[in-house]
Amino acid sequence: MLEQTAQDHARKKFFKPEMFWAMEEPFLYAVKLILGERYTDNMDVIYKTVINL
């Protein structure tokens, strides 16, 4: 699934790989904001690990 998504993004005309890394911090902030107290330290580690695969 991740590989297919990456391939889909790579086919976008204006997509640049460095753009993906720029979304890490805002994405994690949004997830924390939405989940509130349900967002755990373990989830933080998992999200960061998956993002950096």
PDB file of N, CA and C in Angstrom:
ATOM      1  N   MET A   1       0.819  -1.187   0.000  1.00  0.00           N
ATOM      2  CA  MET A   1       0.000   0.000   0.000  1.00  0.00           C
ATOM      3  C   MET A   1       0.869   1.260   0.000  1.00  0.00           C
ATOM      4  N   LEU A   2       1.871   1.298   0.866  1.00  0.00           N
ATOM      5  CA  LEU A   2       2.756   2.463   0.911  1.00  0.00           C
ATOM      6  C   LEU A   2       3.510   2.638  -0.397  1.00  0.00           C
ATOM      7  N   GLU A   3       3.960   1.529  -0.944  1.00  0.00           N
ATOM      8  CA  GLU A   3       4.710   1.593  -2.197  1.00  0.00           C
ATOM      9  C   GLU A   3       3.826   2.100  -3.334  1.00  0.00           C
ATOM     10  N   GLN A   4       2.582   1.643  -3.384  1.00  0.00           N
ATOM     11  CA  GLN A   4       1.649   2.093  -4.419  1.00  0.00           C
ATOM     12  C   GLN A   4       1.367   3.590  -4.273  1.00  0.00           C
ATOM     13  N   THR A   5       1.182   4.047  -3.049  1.00  0.00           N
ATOM     14  CA  THR A   5       0.941   5.471  -2.812  1.00  0.00           C
ATOM     15  C   THR A   5       2.143   6.292  -3.249  1.00  0.00           C
ATOM     16  N   ALA A   6       3.334   5.818  -2.943  1.00  0.00           N
ATOM     17  CA  ALA A   6       4.552   6.526  -3.355  1.00  0.00           C
ATOM     18  C   ALA A   6       4.645   6.605  -4.871  1.00  0.00           C
ATOM     19  N   GLN A   7       4.310   5.531  -5.541  1.00  0.00           N
ATOM     20  CA  GLN A   7       4.340   5.533  -7.005  1.00  0.00           C
ATOM     21  C   GLN A   7       3.309   6.502  -7.572  1.00  0.00           C
ATOM     22  N   ASP A   8       2.141   6.552  -6.958  1.00  0.00           N
ATOM     23  CA  ASP A   8       1.104   7.493  -7.401  1.00  0.00           C
ATOM     24  C   ASP A   8       1.582   8.931  -7.255  1.00  0.00           C
ATOM     25  N   HIS A   9       2.218   9.243  -6.141  1.00  0.00           N
ATOM     26  CA  HIS A   9       2.736  10.594  -5.928  1.00  0.00           C
ATOM     27  C   HIS A   9       3.856  10.918  -6.921  1.00  0.00           C
ATOM     28  N   ALA A  10       4.695   9.938  -7.195  1.00  0.00           N
ATOM     29  CA  ALA A  10       5.830  10.157  -8.099  1.00  0.00           C
ATOM     30  C   ALA A  10       5.371  10.500  -9.509  1.00  0.00           C
ATOM     31  N   ARG A  11       4.195  10.056  -9.883  1.00  0.00           N
ATOM     32  CA  ARG A  11       3.672  10.346 -11.224  1.00  0.00           C
ATOM     33  C   ARG A  11       3.086  11.753 -11.336  1.00  0.00           C
ATOM     34  N   LYS A  12       2.884  12.428 -10.221  1.00  0.00           N
ATOM     35  CA  LYS A  12       2.332  13.787 -10.251  1.00  0.00           C
ATOM     36  C   LYS A  12       3.355  14.720 -10.881  1.00  0.00           C
ATOM     37  N   LYS A  13       2.895  15.578 -11.755  1.00  0.00           N
ATOM     38  CA  LYS A  13       3.788  16.445 -12.521  1.00  0.00           C
ATOM     39  C   LYS A  13       4.652  17.344 -11.634  1.00  0.00           C
ATOM     40  N   PHE A  14       4.061  17.929 -10.613  1.00  0.00           N
ATOM     41  CA  PHE A  14       4.794  18.904  -9.807  1.00  0.00           C
ATOM     42  C   PHE A  14       5.276  18.347  -8.469  1.00  0.00           C
ATOM     43  N   PHE A  15       5.152  17.050  -8.263  1.00  0.00           N
ATOM     44  CA  PHE A  15       5.582  16.465  -6.996  1.00  0.00           C
ATOM     45  C   PHE A  15       7.097  16.353  -6.951  1.00  0.00           C
ATOM     46  N   LYS A  16       7.656  16.799  -5.833  1.00  0.00           N
ATOM     47  CA  LYS A  16       9.090  16.652  -5.588  1.00  0.00           C
ATOM     48  C   LYS A  16       9.240  15.881  -4.280  1.00  0.00           C
ATOM     49  N   PRO A  17      10.138  14.904  -4.220  1.00  0.00           N
ATOM     50  CA  PRO A  17      10.286  14.095  -3.006  1.00  0.00           C
ATOM     51  C   PRO A  17      10.490  14.915  -1.735  1.00  0.00           C
ATOM     52  N   GLU A  18      11.208  16.030  -1.823  1.00  0.00           N
ATOM     53  CA  GLU A  18      11.443  16.834  -0.614  1.00  0.00           C
ATOM     54  C   GLU A  18      10.149  17.427  -0.058  1.00  0.00           C
ATOM     55  N   MET A  19       9.117  17.516  -0.885  1.00  0.00           N
ATOM     56  CA  MET A  19       7.825  18.017  -0.414  1.00  0.00           C
ATOM     57  C   MET A  19       7.231  17.062   0.619  1.00  0.00           C
ATOM     58  N   PHE A  20       7.477  15.771   0.451  1.00  0.00           N
ATOM     59  CA  PHE A  20       6.951  14.781   1.383  1.00  0.00           C
ATOM     60  C   PHE A  20       7.475  15.033   2.792  1.00  0.00           C
ATOM     61  N   TRP A  21       8.761  15.327   2.904  1.00  0.00           N
ATOM     62  CA  TRP A  21       9.358  15.526   4.225  1.00  0.00           C
ATOM     63  C   TRP A  21       8.864  16.807   4.872  1.00  0.00           C
ATOM     64  N   ALA A  22       8.453  17.780   4.096  1.00  0.00           N
ATOM     65  CA  ALA A  22       7.932  19.034   4.648  1.00  0.00           C
ATOM     66  C   ALA A  22       6.588  18.827   5.335  1.00  0.00           C
ATOM     67  N   MET A  23       5.898  17.742   5.034  1.00  0.00           N
ATOM     68  CA  MET A  23       4.583  17.512   5.625  1.00  0.00           C
ATOM     69  C   MET A  23       4.627  16.763   6.951  1.00  0.00           C
ATOM     70  N   GLU A  24       5.787  16.253   7.314  1.00  0.00           N
ATOM     71  CA  GLU A  24       5.862  15.431   8.528  1.00  0.00           C
ATOM     72  C   GLU A  24       5.380  16.180   9.768  1.00  0.00           C
ATOM     73  N   GLU A  25       5.954  17.321  10.049  1.00  0.00           N
ATOM     74  CA  GLU A  25       5.597  18.060  11.263  1.00  0.00           C
ATOM     75  C   GLU A  25       4.136  18.526  11.260  1.00  0.00           C
ATOM     76  N   PRO A  26       3.638  19.148  10.177  1.00  0.00           N
ATOM     77  CA  PRO A  26       2.220  19.548  10.176  1.00  0.00           C
ATOM     78  C   PRO A  26       1.263  18.358  10.282  1.00  0.00           C
ATOM     79  N   PHE A  27       1.623  17.241   9.653  1.00  0.00           N
ATOM     80  CA  PHE A  27       0.779  16.052   9.729  1.00  0.00           C
ATOM     81  C   PHE A  27       0.692  15.543  11.165  1.00  0.00           C
ATOM     82  N   LEU A  28       1.841  15.408  11.819  1.00  0.00           N
ATOM     83  CA  LEU A  28       1.846  14.920  13.201  1.00  0.00           C
ATOM     84  C   LEU A  28       1.107  15.877  14.127  1.00  0.00           C
ATOM     85  N   TYR A  29       1.255  17.166  13.901  1.00  0.00           N
ATOM     86  CA  TYR A  29       0.534  18.157  14.702  1.00  0.00           C
ATOM     87  C   TYR A  29      -0.976  17.980  14.528  1.00  0.00           C
ATOM     88  N   ALA A  30      -1.416  17.796  13.291  1.00  0.00           N
ATOM     89  CA  ALA A  30      -2.845  17.625  13.012  1.00  0.00           C
ATOM     90  C   ALA A  30      -3.390  16.364  13.675  1.00  0.00           C
ATOM     91  N   VAL A  31      -2.638  15.269  13.603  1.00  0.00           N
ATOM     92  CA  VAL A  31      -3.080  14.019  14.231  1.00  0.00           C
ATOM     93  C   VAL A  31      -3.191  14.209  15.741  1.00  0.00           C
ATOM     94  N   LYS A  32      -2.189  14.846  16.353  1.00  0.00           N
ATOM     95  CA  LYS A  32      -2.223  15.101  17.802  1.00  0.00           C
ATOM     96  C   LYS A  32      -3.409  15.977  18.169  1.00  0.00           C
ATOM     97  N   LEU A  33      -3.670  16.992  17.367  1.00  0.00           N
ATOM     98  CA  LEU A  33      -4.772  17.915  17.625  1.00  0.00           C
ATOM     99  C   LEU A  33      -6.115  17.189  17.541  1.00  0.00           C
ATOM    100  N   ILE A  34      -6.280  16.366  16.535  1.00  0.00           N
ATOM    101  CA  ILE A  34      -7.539  15.646  16.341  1.00  0.00           C
ATOM    102  C   ILE A  34      -7.762  14.599  17.430  1.00  0.00           C
ATOM    103  N   LEU A  35      -6.727  13.856  17.771  1.00  0.00           N
ATOM    104  CA  LEU A  35      -6.874  12.775  18.746  1.00  0.00           C
ATOM    105  C   LEU A  35      -6.807  13.250  20.192  1.00  0.00           C
ATOM    106  N   GLY A  36      -6.185  14.384  20.420  1.00  0.00           N
ATOM    107  CA  GLY A  36      -6.107  14.915  21.781  1.00  0.00           C
ATOM    108  C   GLY A  36      -5.446  13.940  22.736  1.00  0.00           C
ATOM    109  N   GLU A  37      -6.119  13.670  23.857  1.00  0.00           N
ATOM    110  CA  GLU A  37      -5.560  12.788  24.890  1.00  0.00           C
ATOM    111  C   GLU A  37      -5.409  11.343  24.416  1.00  0.00           C
ATOM    112  N   ARG A  38      -6.096  10.983  23.350  1.00  0.00           N
ATOM    113  CA  ARG A  38      -5.992   9.614  22.825  1.00  0.00           C
ATOM    114  C   ARG A  38      -4.672   9.382  22.102  1.00  0.00           C
ATOM    115  N   TYR A  39      -3.971  10.462  21.752  1.00  0.00           N
ATOM    116  CA  TYR A  39      -2.673  10.341  21.075  1.00  0.00           C
ATOM    117  C   TYR A  39      -1.620  10.006  22.123  1.00  0.00           C
ATOM    118  N   THR A  40      -0.990   8.849  21.985  1.00  0.00           N
ATOM    119  CA  THR A  40      -0.030   8.385  22.989  1.00  0.00           C
ATOM    120  C   THR A  40       1.407   8.521  22.489  1.00  0.00           C
ATOM    121  N   ASP A  41       2.341   8.401  23.417  1.00  0.00           N
ATOM    122  CA  ASP A  41       3.760   8.418  23.046  1.00  0.00           C
ATOM    123  C   ASP A  41       4.078   7.268  22.091  1.00  0.00           C
ATOM    124  N   ASN A  42       3.448   6.115  22.315  1.00  0.00           N
ATOM    125  CA  ASN A  42       3.661   4.962  21.442  1.00  0.00           C
ATOM    126  C   ASN A  42       3.178   5.267  20.019  1.00  0.00           C
ATOM    127  N   MET A  43       2.045   5.927  19.890  1.00  0.00           N
ATOM    128  CA  MET A  43       1.540   6.308  18.568  1.00  0.00           C
ATOM    129  C   MET A  43       2.510   7.269  17.891  1.00  0.00           C
ATOM    130  N   ASP A  44       3.083   8.174  18.658  1.00  0.00           N
ATOM    131  CA  ASP A  44       4.043   9.134  18.115  1.00  0.00           C
ATOM    132  C   ASP A  44       5.243   8.399  17.509  1.00  0.00           C
ATOM    133  N   VAL A  45       5.751   7.417  18.238  1.00  0.00           N
ATOM    134  CA  VAL A  45       6.886   6.623  17.749  1.00  0.00           C
ATOM    135  C   VAL A  45       6.495   5.870  16.477  1.00  0.00           C
ATOM    136  N   ILE A  46       5.312   5.284  16.472  1.00  0.00           N
ATOM    137  CA  ILE A  46       4.863   4.514  15.305  1.00  0.00           C
ATOM    138  C   ILE A  46       4.702   5.416  14.090  1.00  0.00           C
ATOM    139  N   TYR A  47       4.026   6.551  14.242  1.00  0.00           N
ATOM    140  CA  TYR A  47       3.845   7.471  13.114  1.00  0.00           C
ATOM    141  C   TYR A  47       5.190   7.930  12.561  1.00  0.00           C
ATOM    142  N   LYS A  48       6.109   8.313  13.440  1.00  0.00           N
ATOM    143  CA  LYS A  48       7.416   8.786  12.978  1.00  0.00           C
ATOM    144  C   LYS A  48       8.192   7.673  12.276  1.00  0.00           C
ATOM    145  N   THR A  49       8.069   6.453  12.767  1.00  0.00           N
ATOM    146  CA  THR A  49       8.744   5.317  12.137  1.00  0.00           C
ATOM    147  C   THR A  49       8.182   5.065  10.744  1.00  0.00           C
ATOM    148  N   VAL A  50       6.869   5.050  10.621  1.00  0.00           N
ATOM    149  CA  VAL A  50       6.228   4.789   9.325  1.00  0.00           C
ATOM    150  C   VAL A  50       6.551   5.899   8.332  1.00  0.00           C
ATOM    151  N   ILE A  51       6.519   7.136   8.776  1.00  0.00           N
ATOM    152  CA  ILE A  51       6.819   8.260   7.886  1.00  0.00           C
ATOM    153  C   ILE A  51       8.234   8.144   7.338  1.00  0.00           C
ATOM    154  N   ASN A  52       9.155   7.654   8.141  1.00  0.00           N
ATOM    155  CA  ASN A  52      10.559   7.600   7.729  1.00  0.00           C
ATOM    156  C   ASN A  52      10.982   6.273   7.111  1.00  0.00           C
ATOM    157  N   LEU A  53      10.026   5.433   6.732  1.00  0.00           N
ATOM    158  CA  LEU A  53      10.371   4.155   6.085  1.00  0.00           C
ATOM    159  C   LEU A  53      11.027   4.387   4.749  1.00  0.00           C
TER     160      LEU A  53
END
